[in-house]
Amino acid sequence: MNFEYTEKSLELQQKVRQFMDQYIYPLEKEYDQFVEENPWKVYPELERLKNEAKRAGLWNLFLPKSYGDFSPGLTNLEYAPLAAIMGRVTWASQVFNCSAPDTGNMEVLAKYGTPAQQERWLTPLMNGTIRSAFLMTEPRVASSDATNIETSIVRDGDEYVINGRKWWSSGAMNPETEIFIVMGKTDPNAQRHVQQSMILVPANAKGVDVMRPLRVFGTYDSPEGHAEVDLKDVRVPAENILVDEGMGFAIAQGRLGPGRIHHCMRLIGAAERALELMCHRVSERQTFGKYVSQYSSIRQDVAKSKCEIEQARLLTLAAADKIDRFGVKGAKDLIAMIKIVVPTMTCNVVDRAIQAHGGMGVCQDTPLAGFWIYGRTIRLADGPDEVHMYQLGRNTIKKALMTE
């Protein structure tokens, strides 16, 4: 691949950096304090920031140009460095309407939705006037294997009836969330990978019970949150099914590919900022008569972190480039690699930065604790590391045997 960014991407990178400097960093601590003191409420300044992003032409940048009129015209490779810049502040991507789970849900609706579904749900999502949630994981089964999903979706005349219990339903706690994409089984007797379907469920549908928020390492991740949701005899029109019965697994696989690029690049941005903070901290503090930056162990930590960040970046850009050229299926091994490598890299880099900061590293005075939580959580989200290592190892062995 060509590792030089296009002029379009370089121009947008500069614009996003300027936007972050002007609007995001000055409000970072105020935002964090607000969401801590006001769980499940949206930061009042967020709407103004979103309008500023729209005016600056920095809106919905994530949708690749293969989505036609829905897309601003960027490839995954062109968008990737923009996600890294946004990732330097944990909540910044929502200002640009580029945050999960909405990005993945918008991709699903843009690729698989009917014109009516797109008009009802995709248009307001792309306008940033509503939010969404994705309901796949379940507490009673190992959801790392999506074929285990037990929630039932049963046709009853002109409706589908949905019953099941979901958790880690990202976005379900947000007061602006109006639509859920729910994965369940329409035919448990079909072949293993065509039992599942995805269906659109309004958040206020009768029988939907958002039971409780789930803390992530002691934090609520407000206002999006991750909820446990009970679905009891929930009825929705038959036209709310996405594509057709049996397409749920295929949709899920397509949804997660570009989303992993987004997560990994945001994590790379977080790791970069953690390293920068570490460099400043160790250059300002003295112990035993010399600056902390002068200790060999610190310089080794900085050097290792720099190497690991650059390795992760190049691997992620290679994955983005391959998705652009060969689709998600053609890039599956690289997608697995970045999912294995990048979150762990982020945790390691941030952990070194925390150690260098001492007590300051674990409190609210820096973003480091939030970065570590993000990295550690993504080691589980979108499939745990072990699943990706299992599949990558299997594919690698298979290819090696085929070449003999």
Protein backbone atom coordinates (compact mmCIF):
# COMPACT_ATOMS: atom_id res chain seq x y z
CA MET A 1 0.00 0.00 0.00
CA ASN A 2 0.97 3.64 -0.37
CA PHE A 3 1.60 4.97 3.12
CA GLU A 4 1.29 8.61 2.03
CA TYR A 5 -2.04 10.19 2.97
CA THR A 6 -4.06 11.79 0.19
CA GLU A 7 -4.33 15.56 -0.02
CA LYS A 8 -8.00 15.29 0.99
CA SER A 9 -7.12 13.33 4.13
CA LEU A 10 -4.25 15.66 5.04
CA GLU A 11 -6.50 18.70 4.70
CA LEU A 12 -9.18 17.12 6.89
CA GLN A 13 -6.59 16.06 9.47
CA GLN A 14 -5.53 19.67 9.82
CA LYS A 15 -9.14 20.82 10.13
CA VAL A 16 -9.94 18.19 12.79
CA ARG A 17 -6.82 19.15 14.77
CA GLN A 18 -7.80 22.81 14.66
CA PHE A 19 -11.34 21.95 15.72
CA MET A 20 -10.05 19.89 18.63
CA ASP A 21 -7.78 22.75 19.72
CA GLN A 22 -10.53 25.35 19.47
CA TYR A 23 -13.57 23.49 20.75
CA ILE A 24 -12.81 20.12 22.38
CA TYR A 25 -9.71 20.39 24.58
CA PRO A 26 -10.91 23.59 26.32
CA LEU A 27 -14.10 21.80 27.40
CA GLU A 28 -12.60 18.39 28.19
CA LYS A 29 -12.59 18.65 31.98
CA GLU A 30 -15.91 20.47 32.10
CA TYR A 31 -17.50 17.67 30.06
CA ASP A 32 -16.03 14.96 32.29
CA GLN A 33 -17.25 16.72 35.43
CA PHE A 34 -20.73 17.20 34.00
CA VAL A 35 -21.28 13.56 33.07
CA GLU A 36 -19.92 12.44 36.43
CA GLU A 37 -22.33 14.69 38.32
CA ASN A 38 -25.29 14.23 35.94
CA PRO A 39 -25.57 10.58 34.90
CA TRP A 40 -27.73 9.88 31.86
CA LYS A 41 -27.92 13.54 30.87
CA VAL A 42 -26.39 14.96 27.71
CA TYR A 43 -23.75 17.67 28.11
CA PRO A 44 -25.57 20.96 27.31
CA GLU A 45 -22.79 22.28 25.06
CA LEU A 46 -22.75 19.16 22.89
CA GLU A 47 -25.38 20.39 20.45
CA ARG A 48 -23.47 23.61 19.85
CA LEU A 49 -20.29 21.64 19.21
CA LYS A 50 -22.08 19.37 16.75
CA ASN A 51 -23.41 22.38 14.86
CA GLU A 52 -19.90 23.81 14.69
CA ALA A 53 -18.63 20.50 13.28
CA LYS A 54 -21.36 20.56 10.64
CA ARG A 55 -20.45 24.11 9.65
CA ALA A 56 -16.79 23.09 9.40
CA GLY A 57 -17.63 20.20 7.06
CA LEU A 58 -16.49 17.64 9.63
CA TRP A 59 -19.67 15.59 9.83
CA ASN A 60 -20.31 11.86 9.18
CA LEU A 61 -16.75 11.43 7.94
CA PHE A 62 -16.75 7.71 8.76
CA LEU A 63 -19.01 6.36 5.99
CA PRO A 64 -16.72 5.12 3.19
CA LYS A 65 -17.32 6.28 -0.38
CA SER A 66 -18.61 2.84 -1.35
CA TYR A 67 -21.86 3.94 0.35
CA GLY A 68 -22.56 6.41 -2.44
CA ASP A 69 -24.71 9.42 -1.64
CA PHE A 70 -24.64 8.68 2.09
CA SER A 71 -20.85 9.10 2.20
CA PRO A 72 -18.71 12.26 2.32
CA GLY A 73 -16.44 10.44 -0.11
CA LEU A 74 -13.58 9.18 2.06
CA THR A 75 -12.05 5.73 1.94
CA ASN A 76 -11.42 3.80 5.15
CA LEU A 77 -7.73 4.61 4.72
CA GLU A 78 -8.46 8.34 4.41
CA TYR A 79 -10.75 8.33 7.46
CA ALA A 80 -8.43 6.30 9.71
CA PRO A 81 -6.09 9.15 10.76
CA LEU A 82 -9.11 11.36 11.48
CA ALA A 83 -10.38 8.76 13.94
CA ALA A 84 -6.97 8.76 15.63
CA ILE A 85 -7.16 12.51 16.17
CA MET A 86 -10.68 12.22 17.59
CA GLY A 87 -9.51 9.41 19.89
CA ARG A 88 -7.28 11.82 21.80
CA VAL A 89 -10.40 12.77 23.81
CA THR A 90 -12.68 9.87 24.72
CA TRP A 91 -15.94 11.67 23.86
CA ALA A 92 -14.81 13.74 20.87
CA SER A 93 -15.99 11.42 18.10
CA GLN A 94 -19.66 12.04 18.95
CA VAL A 95 -19.18 15.75 18.16
CA PHE A 96 -18.45 14.73 14.56
CA ASN A 97 -21.27 12.11 14.52
CA CYS A 98 -18.56 9.46 14.26
CA SER A 99 -19.08 7.52 17.51
CA ALA A 100 -20.06 3.94 18.23
CA PRO A 101 -22.54 2.35 18.22
CA ASP A 102 -24.18 4.85 15.85
CA THR A 103 -21.47 4.50 13.21
CA GLY A 104 -22.00 0.76 12.89
CA ASN A 105 -25.77 1.12 13.01
CA MET A 106 -25.70 3.79 10.32
CA GLU A 107 -23.53 1.56 8.14
CA VAL A 108 -26.04 -1.27 8.56
CA LEU A 109 -28.98 0.95 7.63
CA ALA A 110 -27.12 2.53 4.70
CA LYS A 111 -26.09 -0.87 3.31
CA TYR A 112 -29.04 -3.08 4.21
CA GLY A 113 -31.98 -0.82 5.05
CA THR A 114 -35.01 -0.32 2.84
CA PRO A 115 -35.79 3.22 1.64
CA ALA A 116 -38.54 3.42 4.29
CA GLN A 117 -36.18 2.24 7.06
CA GLN A 118 -33.55 4.71 5.91
CA GLU A 119 -35.99 7.61 5.86
CA ARG A 120 -37.35 6.77 9.32
CA TRP A 121 -34.11 5.99 11.12
CA LEU A 122 -30.98 6.60 9.03
CA THR A 123 -31.77 10.21 8.14
CA PRO A 124 -32.18 11.41 11.75
CA LEU A 125 -29.12 9.39 12.81
CA MET A 126 -27.04 11.02 10.11
CA ASN A 127 -28.44 14.41 11.12
CA GLY A 128 -27.43 13.70 14.71
CA THR A 129 -30.93 14.34 16.06
CA ILE A 130 -31.32 10.86 17.58
CA ARG A 131 -29.00 8.13 18.88
CA SER A 132 -29.16 4.34 18.61
CA ALA A 133 -28.16 1.13 20.37
CA PHE A 134 -26.99 -2.30 19.25
CA LEU A 135 -28.39 -5.32 21.12
CA MET A 136 -26.55 -8.58 20.47
CA THR A 137 -24.77 -9.83 23.61
CA GLU A 138 -26.76 -11.93 26.08
CA PRO A 139 -26.07 -12.77 29.75
CA ARG A 140 -27.12 -16.42 29.56
CA VAL A 141 -24.85 -17.56 26.70
CA ALA A 142 -21.27 -17.06 25.54
CA SER A 143 -22.02 -14.36 23.01
CA SER A 144 -18.48 -14.37 21.61
CA ASP A 145 -20.01 -17.11 19.43
CA ALA A 146 -22.88 -15.20 17.83
CA THR A 147 -24.61 -18.43 16.85
CA ASN A 148 -25.35 -18.95 20.56
CA ILE A 149 -27.77 -16.02 20.63
CA GLU A 150 -31.10 -17.17 22.10
CA THR A 151 -33.42 -14.15 21.75
CA SER A 152 -36.38 -15.28 19.66
CA ILE A 153 -37.86 -13.34 16.75
CA VAL A 154 -41.10 -15.05 15.69
CA ARG A 155 -43.33 -14.05 12.77
CA ASP A 156 -46.97 -13.53 13.73
CA GLY A 157 -48.97 -12.30 10.77
CA ASP A 158 -47.82 -8.80 9.86
CA GLU A 159 -45.62 -8.52 12.95
CA TYR A 160 -42.62 -10.08 14.61
CA VAL A 161 -42.71 -10.92 18.33
CA ILE A 162 -39.40 -10.61 20.17
CA ASN A 163 -38.49 -12.23 23.50
CA GLY A 164 -35.10 -12.31 25.16
CA ARG A 165 -32.63 -10.73 27.57
CA LYS A 166 -29.74 -8.60 26.31
CA TRP A 167 -26.87 -6.90 28.08
CA TRP A 168 -23.90 -4.73 27.22
CA SER A 169 -26.36 -2.96 24.97
CA SER A 170 -24.19 0.04 24.11
CA GLY A 171 -26.11 3.28 23.81
CA ALA A 172 -29.29 1.99 25.40
CA MET A 173 -29.03 4.32 28.39
CA ASN A 174 -28.68 7.48 26.31
CA PRO A 175 -31.82 9.64 26.67
CA GLU A 176 -31.56 10.51 22.95
CA THR A 177 -31.59 6.86 21.82
CA GLU A 178 -34.73 6.07 19.82
CA ILE A 179 -33.91 2.90 17.89
CA PHE A 180 -32.38 -0.48 18.76
CA ILE A 181 -30.93 -2.92 16.26
CA VAL A 182 -31.64 -6.31 17.83
CA MET A 183 -30.07 -9.63 16.83
CA GLY A 184 -32.01 -12.81 17.52
CA LYS A 185 -33.06 -16.14 16.04
CA THR A 186 -35.89 -16.46 13.56
CA ASP A 187 -35.26 -20.15 12.80
CA PRO A 188 -33.33 -22.18 15.43
CA ASN A 189 -33.60 -25.25 13.17
CA ALA A 190 -31.86 -23.71 10.16
CA GLN A 191 -28.19 -24.11 9.36
CA ARG A 192 -26.01 -22.64 12.11
CA HIS A 193 -25.12 -19.32 10.44
CA VAL A 194 -28.55 -18.56 8.97
CA GLN A 195 -30.63 -18.95 12.14
CA GLN A 196 -30.10 -15.31 13.13
CA SER A 197 -31.80 -12.14 11.96
CA MET A 198 -31.59 -8.44 12.78
CA ILE A 199 -34.63 -6.34 13.38
CA LEU A 200 -35.36 -2.68 14.17
CA VAL A 201 -37.05 -2.08 17.52
CA PRO A 202 -38.09 1.42 18.65
CA ALA A 203 -36.67 2.14 22.10
CA ASN A 204 -40.14 3.03 23.39
CA ALA A 205 -41.84 -0.11 22.06
CA LYS A 206 -44.16 -1.86 24.50
CA GLY A 207 -42.36 -4.69 26.29
CA VAL A 208 -38.91 -3.08 26.16
CA ASP A 209 -37.53 -2.78 29.68
CA VAL A 210 -34.15 -1.10 30.13
CA MET A 211 -33.44 -2.80 33.44
CA ARG A 212 -30.16 -1.31 34.64
CA PRO A 213 -26.90 0.29 33.53
CA LEU A 214 -23.75 -1.80 33.72
CA ARG A 215 -20.62 -0.22 35.15
CA VAL A 216 -17.37 -0.58 33.20
CA PHE A 217 -14.51 -0.79 35.70
CA GLY A 218 -16.63 1.19 38.12
CA THR A 219 -17.74 3.87 35.64
CA TYR A 220 -21.10 4.30 33.93
CA ASP A 221 -19.79 5.61 30.58
CA SER A 222 -22.58 8.17 30.75
CA PRO A 223 -24.62 9.27 28.88
CA GLU A 224 -24.34 6.39 26.35
CA GLY A 225 -24.04 3.64 28.90
CA HIS A 226 -24.26 -0.12 28.49
CA ALA A 227 -27.57 -1.56 29.63
CA GLU A 228 -29.23 -4.82 30.49
CA VAL A 229 -32.45 -4.91 28.51
CA ASP A 230 -35.43 -7.26 28.79
CA LEU A 231 -37.55 -7.81 25.69
CA LYS A 232 -40.90 -9.35 26.55
CA ASP A 233 -43.48 -9.96 23.84
CA VAL A 234 -42.21 -6.91 21.95
CA ARG A 235 -44.17 -6.50 18.71
CA VAL A 236 -42.86 -4.62 15.69
CA PRO A 237 -44.09 -4.51 12.07
CA ALA A 238 -42.78 -7.26 9.79
CA GLU A 239 -41.15 -4.62 7.59
CA ASN A 240 -38.73 -3.86 10.45
CA ILE A 241 -36.66 -6.95 9.60
CA LEU A 242 -33.30 -6.08 8.04
CA VAL A 243 -33.00 -7.57 4.53
CA ASP A 244 -34.63 -10.90 5.31
CA GLU A 245 -34.74 -13.70 7.84
CA GLY A 246 -31.43 -15.51 8.26
CA MET A 247 -29.23 -12.52 7.35
CA GLY A 248 -28.28 -11.52 10.91
CA PHE A 249 -24.90 -13.24 11.08
CA ALA A 250 -23.80 -11.91 7.69
CA ILE A 251 -24.87 -8.37 8.61
CA ALA A 252 -23.00 -8.60 11.92
CA GLN A 253 -19.78 -9.67 10.20
CA GLY A 254 -19.99 -6.80 7.72
CA ARG A 255 -20.84 -4.31 10.46
CA LEU A 256 -17.84 -5.12 12.61
CA GLY A 257 -15.08 -4.80 9.99
CA PRO A 258 -14.89 -1.01 9.49
CA GLY A 259 -15.93 -0.51 13.13
CA ARG A 260 -12.74 -2.24 14.26
CA ILE A 261 -10.72 0.20 12.15
CA HIS A 262 -12.50 3.07 13.92
CA HIS A 263 -11.94 1.65 17.41
CA CYS A 264 -8.30 0.81 16.74
CA MET A 265 -7.45 4.21 15.30
CA ARG A 266 -9.18 5.98 18.20
CA LEU A 267 -7.13 3.81 20.56
CA ILE A 268 -3.96 4.74 18.69
CA GLY A 269 -4.86 8.41 19.18
CA ALA A 270 -5.38 7.77 22.89
CA ALA A 271 -2.02 5.99 23.13
CA GLU A 272 -0.29 8.85 21.31
CA ARG A 273 -1.69 11.39 23.72
CA ALA A 274 -0.79 9.21 26.70
CA LEU A 275 2.80 9.08 25.48
CA GLU A 276 2.89 12.85 24.99
CA LEU A 277 1.57 13.40 28.50
CA MET A 278 4.17 10.99 29.83
CA CYS A 279 6.99 12.85 28.06
CA HIS A 280 5.87 16.15 29.55
CA ARG A 281 5.44 14.70 33.03
CA VAL A 282 8.84 13.06 33.23
CA SER A 283 10.49 16.23 31.92
CA GLU A 284 8.94 18.32 34.69
CA ARG A 285 9.47 16.12 37.78
CA GLN A 286 12.66 15.42 39.70
CA THR A 287 13.56 12.54 41.99
CA PHE A 288 16.83 11.94 43.79
CA GLY A 289 18.44 14.97 42.23
CA LYS A 290 17.64 14.50 38.54
CA TYR A 291 14.71 14.72 36.16
CA VAL A 292 12.69 11.54 35.81
CA SER A 293 13.25 11.73 32.04
CA GLN A 294 16.94 11.08 32.63
CA TYR A 295 16.43 7.59 34.03
CA SER A 296 17.24 4.80 31.59
CA SER A 297 14.12 2.82 32.50
CA ILE A 298 11.90 5.78 31.62
CA ARG A 299 13.63 6.35 28.31
CA GLN A 300 13.22 2.65 27.52
CA ASP A 301 9.49 2.87 28.32
CA VAL A 302 9.14 5.90 26.04
CA ALA A 303 11.06 4.17 23.24
CA LYS A 304 9.03 0.95 23.53
CA SER A 305 5.79 2.93 23.53
CA LYS A 306 6.80 4.87 20.43
CA CYS A 307 7.68 1.66 18.59
CA GLU A 308 4.48 -0.10 19.61
CA ILE A 309 2.27 2.83 18.57
CA GLU A 310 3.88 3.08 15.14
CA GLN A 311 3.68 -0.68 14.58
CA ALA A 312 0.00 -0.65 15.51
CA ARG A 313 -0.70 2.35 13.29
CA LEU A 314 0.90 0.79 10.20
CA LEU A 315 -0.92 -2.50 10.79
CA THR A 316 -4.26 -0.69 11.13
CA LEU A 317 -3.67 1.40 8.03
CA ALA A 318 -2.83 -1.78 6.13
CA ALA A 319 -6.15 -3.28 7.29
CA ALA A 320 -8.04 -0.14 6.23
CA ASP A 321 -6.38 -0.19 2.82
CA LYS A 322 -7.21 -3.85 2.31
CA ILE A 323 -10.87 -3.30 3.24
CA ASP A 324 -10.99 -0.51 0.65
CA ARG A 325 -9.52 -2.76 -2.04
CA PHE A 326 -10.89 -6.19 -1.21
CA GLY A 327 -13.78 -5.70 1.21
CA VAL A 328 -14.16 -6.97 4.78
CA LYS A 329 -13.88 -10.61 3.76
CA GLY A 330 -10.61 -10.02 1.93
CA ALA A 331 -9.17 -8.19 4.92
CA LYS A 332 -10.35 -10.58 7.63
CA ASP A 333 -6.87 -11.68 8.77
CA LEU A 334 -5.62 -8.09 9.11
CA ILE A 335 -8.81 -7.08 10.90
CA ALA A 336 -8.22 -9.91 13.38
CA MET A 337 -4.60 -8.80 13.84
CA ILE A 338 -5.45 -5.20 14.71
CA LYS A 339 -8.16 -6.33 17.10
CA ILE A 340 -5.56 -8.49 18.88
CA VAL A 341 -2.69 -5.99 18.78
CA VAL A 342 -4.07 -2.47 19.21
CA PRO A 343 -6.12 -2.64 22.45
CA THR A 344 -3.30 -4.47 24.24
CA MET A 345 -0.78 -1.96 22.91
CA THR A 346 -2.94 0.89 24.21
CA CYS A 347 -3.23 -0.67 27.66
CA ASN A 348 0.56 -1.12 27.82
CA VAL A 349 1.38 2.40 26.67
CA VAL A 350 -1.21 4.00 28.94
CA ASP A 351 -0.08 1.87 31.88
CA ARG A 352 3.48 3.17 31.46
CA ALA A 353 2.15 6.71 31.32
CA ILE A 354 0.10 6.15 34.47
CA GLN A 355 3.16 4.78 36.27
CA ALA A 356 5.20 7.81 35.25
CA HIS A 357 2.48 10.16 36.53
CA GLY A 358 2.24 8.48 39.92
CA GLY A 359 -0.99 9.22 41.78
CA MET A 360 -1.98 11.81 39.22
CA GLY A 361 -2.23 9.08 36.61
CA VAL A 362 -5.16 7.32 38.23
CA CYS A 363 -7.30 10.34 39.11
CA GLN A 364 -9.49 12.68 37.08
CA ASP A 365 -6.70 15.21 36.48
CA THR A 366 -5.59 13.39 33.32
CA PRO A 367 -7.48 11.33 30.71
CA LEU A 368 -5.20 8.33 31.31
CA ALA A 369 -7.59 6.24 33.43
CA GLY A 370 -10.31 6.68 30.80
CA PHE A 371 -7.91 5.67 28.04
CA TRP A 372 -6.93 2.51 29.94
CA ILE A 373 -10.57 1.57 30.50
CA TYR A 374 -11.30 2.09 26.81
CA GLY A 375 -8.40 -0.09 25.72
CA ARG A 376 -9.14 -2.85 28.22
CA THR A 377 -12.84 -2.86 27.32
CA ILE A 378 -12.15 -3.22 23.59
CA ARG A 379 -10.20 -6.40 24.37
CA LEU A 380 -13.69 -7.83 25.03
CA ALA A 381 -15.98 -5.71 22.84
CA ASP A 382 -16.59 -6.74 19.21
CA GLY A 383 -15.33 -10.21 20.10
CA PRO A 384 -12.74 -11.08 22.78
CA ASP A 385 -9.08 -11.40 21.84
CA GLU A 386 -9.24 -15.17 22.18
CA VAL A 387 -11.82 -15.50 19.38
CA HIS A 388 -9.70 -13.48 16.97
CA MET A 389 -6.54 -15.40 17.89
CA TYR A 390 -8.37 -18.71 17.44
CA GLN A 391 -9.64 -17.73 13.99
CA LEU A 392 -6.38 -16.12 12.87
CA GLY A 393 -4.38 -19.11 14.06
CA ARG A 394 -6.74 -21.49 12.26
CA ASN A 395 -6.53 -19.50 9.02
CA THR A 396 -2.74 -19.21 9.22
CA ILE A 397 -2.30 -22.97 9.68
CA LYS A 398 -4.72 -23.67 6.85
CA LYS A 399 -2.83 -21.39 4.45
CA ALA A 400 0.51 -22.88 5.43
CA LEU A 401 -0.75 -26.41 4.69
CA MET A 402 -2.22 -25.31 1.37
CA THR A 403 1.16 -24.04 0.17
CA GLU A 404 2.98 -27.29 0.83
